[in-house]
Amino acid sequence: MKEILAADKKTHRKQGHTAQRIFERLWDEHGHTGGLTVVRNAVREIRQRSS
């Protein structure tokens, strides 16, 4: 997840991943079994720390 968000910093803001899209990628690519809320909270925390 951190890698996805780090790569998003190099793109235009509108082309970055949403928490929903990150969740879908984690589900498809890594077999993530957690919920969307967990991913949203983690994305929010990572974005706040990197600001």
Protein backbone atom coordinates (compact mmCIF):
# COMPACT_ATOMS: atom_id res chain seq x y z
CA MET A 1 0.00 0.00 0.00
CA LYS A 2 2.81 2.41 0.84
CA GLU A 3 4.41 1.67 -2.53
CA ILE A 4 1.20 2.51 -4.36
CA LEU A 5 0.84 5.81 -2.52
CA ALA A 6 4.51 6.67 -3.06
CA ALA A 7 4.10 6.11 -6.80
CA ASP A 8 0.99 8.32 -6.77
CA LYS A 9 3.08 11.28 -5.61
CA LYS A 10 4.80 11.23 -9.00
CA THR A 11 1.53 11.52 -10.92
CA HIS A 12 -1.10 14.22 -11.23
CA ARG A 13 -3.38 14.34 -8.17
CA LYS A 14 -6.45 13.37 -10.18
CA GLN A 15 -4.74 10.25 -11.50
CA GLY A 16 -3.81 8.86 -8.08
CA HIS A 17 -5.39 5.82 -6.49
CA THR A 18 -8.46 6.11 -4.32
CA ALA A 19 -8.74 3.98 -1.19
CA GLN A 20 -11.33 1.89 -3.06
CA ARG A 21 -8.93 1.21 -5.93
CA ILE A 22 -6.09 0.35 -3.53
CA PHE A 23 -8.45 -2.07 -1.79
CA GLU A 24 -9.31 -3.70 -5.12
CA ARG A 25 -5.63 -4.03 -6.04
CA LEU A 26 -4.78 -5.55 -2.67
CA TRP A 27 -7.67 -8.00 -3.06
CA ASP A 28 -6.74 -9.01 -6.62
CA GLU A 29 -2.95 -8.95 -6.47
CA HIS A 30 -2.23 -9.99 -2.88
CA GLY A 31 -5.30 -11.87 -1.70
CA HIS A 32 -6.11 -9.28 0.97
CA THR A 33 -9.00 -10.54 3.08
CA GLY A 34 -9.50 -7.46 5.28
CA GLY A 35 -12.27 -4.95 4.85
CA LEU A 36 -12.46 -1.71 2.94
CA THR A 37 -12.66 0.34 6.14
CA VAL A 38 -9.29 -0.99 7.29
CA VAL A 39 -7.72 0.05 3.99
CA ARG A 40 -9.39 3.49 4.08
CA ASN A 41 -8.11 4.15 7.59
CA ALA A 42 -4.59 3.05 6.67
CA VAL A 43 -4.56 5.18 3.51
CA ARG A 44 -5.77 8.21 5.48
CA GLU A 45 -3.06 7.72 8.11
CA ILE A 46 -0.28 7.27 5.53
CA ARG A 47 -1.40 10.34 3.56
CA GLN A 48 -1.54 12.49 6.70
CA ARG A 49 1.96 11.44 7.75
CA SER A 50 3.45 12.18 4.35
CA SER A 51 1.91 15.66 4.03
